[in-house]
Amino acid sequence: MLVAALGLTILGFAFLVAAVATGSIGWAWACIAVGALGLLLLLIDLIRGRGGPGGEKGHEPADDPTRAHADHPTEG
């Protein structure tokens, strides 16, 4: 869904450029509509809980060697 929201953002920007270039109110309304649809997709994605960097909330890999653990301090 994030990819769709990004695509709508690019489309909305194109509509904004067209509205400024032509002075037509129709392009401006299309830009607003596409922006609102993109915002709706982002809100749905946030509510479903897939907006975090890990994909799902509370999911942490068990054996990630790059992650620093407080219970295993390194000496040095």
N, C-alpha and C. Protein backbone atom coordinates (compact mmCIF):
# COMPACT_ATOMS: atom_id res chain seq x y z
N MET A 1 0.81 -1.18 0.00
CA MET A 1 0.00 0.00 0.00
C MET A 1 0.86 1.27 0.00
N LEU A 2 2.04 1.16 0.57
CA LEU A 2 2.93 2.31 0.57
C LEU A 2 3.39 2.66 -0.84
N VAL A 3 3.57 1.66 -1.67
CA VAL A 3 3.97 1.92 -3.06
C VAL A 3 2.84 2.62 -3.81
N ALA A 4 1.61 2.22 -3.53
CA ALA A 4 0.47 2.87 -4.16
C ALA A 4 0.36 4.33 -3.70
N ALA A 5 0.61 4.58 -2.42
CA ALA A 5 0.57 5.95 -1.92
C ALA A 5 1.67 6.80 -2.55
N LEU A 6 2.84 6.21 -2.74
CA LEU A 6 3.93 6.93 -3.41
C LEU A 6 3.56 7.25 -4.86
N GLY A 7 2.97 6.29 -5.54
CA GLY A 7 2.53 6.53 -6.91
C GLY A 7 1.48 7.63 -7.00
N LEU A 8 0.55 7.65 -6.03
CA LEU A 8 -0.45 8.71 -6.01
C LEU A 8 0.18 10.07 -5.71
N THR A 9 1.23 10.08 -4.91
CA THR A 9 1.93 11.33 -4.63
C THR A 9 2.55 11.89 -5.90
N ILE A 10 3.19 11.03 -6.67
CA ILE A 10 3.80 11.47 -7.93
C ILE A 10 2.73 11.95 -8.91
N LEU A 11 1.62 11.23 -8.97
CA LEU A 11 0.51 11.63 -9.85
C LEU A 11 -0.08 12.96 -9.40
N GLY A 12 -0.22 13.14 -8.08
CA GLY A 12 -0.75 14.40 -7.56
C GLY A 12 0.16 15.57 -7.89
N PHE A 13 1.48 15.34 -7.80
CA PHE A 13 2.43 16.39 -8.16
C PHE A 13 2.31 16.75 -9.64
N ALA A 14 2.12 15.74 -10.47
CA ALA A 14 1.95 16.01 -11.91
C ALA A 14 0.67 16.82 -12.15
N PHE A 15 -0.40 16.50 -11.43
CA PHE A 15 -1.63 17.28 -11.55
C PHE A 15 -1.43 18.71 -11.06
N LEU A 16 -0.63 18.90 -10.02
CA LEU A 16 -0.34 20.23 -9.51
C LEU A 16 0.42 21.05 -10.55
N VAL A 17 1.40 20.44 -11.17
CA VAL A 17 2.16 21.14 -12.21
C VAL A 17 1.24 21.50 -13.38
N ALA A 18 0.36 20.58 -13.75
CA ALA A 18 -0.57 20.85 -14.85
C ALA A 18 -1.54 21.97 -14.47
N ALA A 19 -1.98 22.01 -13.22
CA ALA A 19 -2.89 23.06 -12.78
C ALA A 19 -2.22 24.43 -12.81
N VAL A 20 -0.97 24.49 -12.38
CA VAL A 20 -0.26 25.77 -12.40
C VAL A 20 0.05 26.20 -13.83
N ALA A 21 0.43 25.25 -14.66
CA ALA A 21 0.81 25.58 -16.03
C ALA A 21 -0.38 26.04 -16.87
N THR A 22 -1.53 25.40 -16.68
CA THR A 22 -2.69 25.72 -17.52
C THR A 22 -3.64 26.71 -16.87
N GLY A 23 -3.60 26.81 -15.54
CA GLY A 23 -4.53 27.68 -14.84
C GLY A 23 -5.93 27.09 -14.75
N SER A 24 -6.05 25.81 -14.97
CA SER A 24 -7.35 25.14 -14.95
C SER A 24 -7.67 24.64 -13.55
N ILE A 25 -8.87 24.87 -13.10
CA ILE A 25 -9.29 24.45 -11.77
C ILE A 25 -9.52 22.94 -11.72
N GLY A 26 -9.79 22.34 -12.86
CA GLY A 26 -10.02 20.89 -12.91
C GLY A 26 -8.79 20.10 -12.49
N TRP A 27 -7.61 20.54 -12.96
CA TRP A 27 -6.37 19.86 -12.56
C TRP A 27 -6.11 20.03 -11.07
N ALA A 28 -6.46 21.21 -10.54
CA ALA A 28 -6.26 21.45 -9.11
C ALA A 28 -7.16 20.54 -8.27
N TRP A 29 -8.40 20.36 -8.69
CA TRP A 29 -9.30 19.45 -7.96
C TRP A 29 -8.83 18.01 -8.07
N ALA A 30 -8.29 17.65 -9.23
CA ALA A 30 -7.74 16.29 -9.39
C ALA A 30 -6.56 16.09 -8.46
N CYS A 31 -5.73 17.11 -8.30
CA CYS A 31 -4.59 17.03 -7.38
C CYS A 31 -5.07 16.83 -5.95
N ILE A 32 -6.10 17.56 -5.54
CA ILE A 32 -6.65 17.43 -4.19
C ILE A 32 -7.24 16.04 -3.98
N ALA A 33 -7.97 15.54 -4.97
CA ALA A 33 -8.59 14.22 -4.85
C ALA A 33 -7.54 13.11 -4.75
N VAL A 34 -6.51 13.19 -5.58
CA VAL A 34 -5.46 12.18 -5.55
C VAL A 34 -4.69 12.25 -4.23
N GLY A 35 -4.44 13.45 -3.74
CA GLY A 35 -3.76 13.61 -2.45
C GLY A 35 -4.57 13.04 -1.30
N ALA A 36 -5.89 13.27 -1.32
CA ALA A 36 -6.75 12.72 -0.28
C ALA A 36 -6.79 11.20 -0.33
N LEU A 37 -6.80 10.65 -1.52
CA LEU A 37 -6.79 9.19 -1.66
C LEU A 37 -5.48 8.60 -1.15
N GLY A 38 -4.37 9.25 -1.45
CA GLY A 38 -3.07 8.80 -0.95
C GLY A 38 -3.00 8.87 0.57
N LEU A 39 -3.55 9.94 1.15
CA LEU A 39 -3.59 10.06 2.61
C LEU A 39 -4.45 8.97 3.22
N LEU A 40 -5.55 8.66 2.58
CA LEU A 40 -6.41 7.58 3.07
C LEU A 40 -5.69 6.24 3.05
N LEU A 41 -4.93 5.97 2.00
CA LEU A 41 -4.15 4.73 1.94
C LEU A 41 -3.10 4.68 3.05
N LEU A 42 -2.45 5.80 3.31
CA LEU A 42 -1.45 5.83 4.39
C LEU A 42 -2.10 5.60 5.75
N LEU A 43 -3.26 6.19 5.98
CA LEU A 43 -3.95 5.98 7.25
C LEU A 43 -4.41 4.54 7.43
N ILE A 44 -4.89 3.94 6.36
CA ILE A 44 -5.29 2.53 6.43
C ILE A 44 -4.08 1.66 6.74
N ASP A 45 -2.96 1.97 6.11
CA ASP A 45 -1.74 1.21 6.35
C ASP A 45 -1.27 1.38 7.79
N LEU A 46 -1.38 2.58 8.33
CA LEU A 46 -0.99 2.84 9.71
C LEU A 46 -1.89 2.09 10.68
N ILE A 47 -3.18 2.09 10.43
CA ILE A 47 -4.13 1.40 11.31
C ILE A 47 -3.90 -0.10 11.28
N ARG A 48 -3.58 -0.63 10.13
CA ARG A 48 -3.32 -2.07 10.03
C ARG A 48 -2.02 -2.47 10.70
N GLY A 49 -1.16 -1.49 11.01
CA GLY A 49 0.06 -1.77 11.74
C GLY A 49 1.24 -2.15 10.90
N ARG A 50 1.24 -1.77 9.65
CA ARG A 50 2.36 -2.12 8.78
C ARG A 50 3.21 -0.91 8.44
N GLY A 51 3.10 0.16 9.22
CA GLY A 51 3.84 1.36 8.92
C GLY A 51 5.24 1.39 9.49
N GLY A 52 5.58 0.42 10.35
CA GLY A 52 6.89 0.43 10.99
C GLY A 52 7.96 -0.14 10.09
N PRO A 53 9.22 0.04 10.49
CA PRO A 53 10.32 -0.45 9.66
C PRO A 53 10.43 -1.97 9.64
N GLY A 54 9.90 -2.65 10.65
CA GLY A 54 10.00 -4.10 10.70
C GLY A 54 8.86 -4.82 10.04
N GLY A 55 7.87 -4.08 9.54
CA GLY A 55 6.74 -4.72 8.90
C GLY A 55 5.59 -4.90 9.86
N GLU A 56 5.81 -5.60 10.95
CA GLU A 56 4.78 -5.80 11.95
C GLU A 56 5.27 -5.28 13.28
N LYS A 57 4.36 -4.79 14.09
CA LYS A 57 4.75 -4.27 15.39
C LYS A 57 5.14 -5.41 16.32
N GLY A 58 6.18 -5.18 17.08
CA GLY A 58 6.61 -6.17 18.06
C GLY A 58 7.46 -7.29 17.49
N HIS A 59 7.74 -7.26 16.22
CA HIS A 59 8.53 -8.32 15.60
C HIS A 59 10.00 -7.95 15.65
N GLU A 60 10.78 -8.76 16.35
CA GLU A 60 12.22 -8.55 16.39
C GLU A 60 12.90 -9.88 16.05
N PRO A 61 13.87 -9.87 15.15
CA PRO A 61 14.56 -11.11 14.82
C PRO A 61 15.33 -11.63 16.04
N ALA A 62 15.31 -12.94 16.22
CA ALA A 62 15.91 -13.55 17.41
C ALA A 62 17.43 -13.49 17.37
N ASP A 63 18.02 -13.75 16.24
CA ASP A 63 19.48 -13.79 16.18
C ASP A 63 20.00 -12.81 15.13
N ASP A 64 19.84 -11.53 15.42
CA ASP A 64 20.34 -10.47 14.56
C ASP A 64 21.69 -10.02 15.08
N PRO A 65 22.78 -10.32 14.38
CA PRO A 65 24.11 -10.00 14.91
C PRO A 65 24.41 -8.50 14.91
N THR A 66 23.66 -7.72 14.16
CA THR A 66 23.93 -6.29 14.11
C THR A 66 23.24 -5.52 15.24
N ARG A 67 22.36 -6.16 15.93
CA ARG A 67 21.60 -5.50 16.98
C ARG A 67 22.36 -5.57 18.30
N ALA A 68 22.56 -4.44 18.95
CA ALA A 68 23.25 -4.39 20.24
C ALA A 68 22.27 -4.73 21.35
N HIS A 69 22.67 -5.62 22.22
CA HIS A 69 21.81 -6.03 23.33
C HIS A 69 22.35 -5.46 24.62
N ALA A 70 21.48 -4.94 25.46
CA ALA A 70 21.89 -4.35 26.73
C ALA A 70 22.31 -5.43 27.73
N ASP A 71 21.79 -6.64 27.58
CA ASP A 71 22.13 -7.68 28.54
C ASP A 71 23.46 -8.38 28.18
N HIS A 72 24.07 -8.05 27.05
CA HIS A 72 25.35 -8.61 26.64
C HIS A 72 26.32 -7.47 26.29
N PRO A 73 26.81 -6.75 27.28
CA PRO A 73 27.71 -5.65 26.93
C PRO A 73 29.06 -6.16 26.45
N THR A 74 29.61 -5.41 25.55
CA THR A 74 30.93 -5.75 25.03
C THR A 74 31.99 -5.08 25.89
N GLU A 75 33.07 -5.76 26.09
CA GLU A 75 34.15 -5.19 26.90
C GLU A 75 35.24 -4.72 25.96
N GLY A 76 35.89 -3.63 26.34
CA GLY A 76 36.96 -3.21 25.48
C GLY A 76 37.44 -1.88 25.72
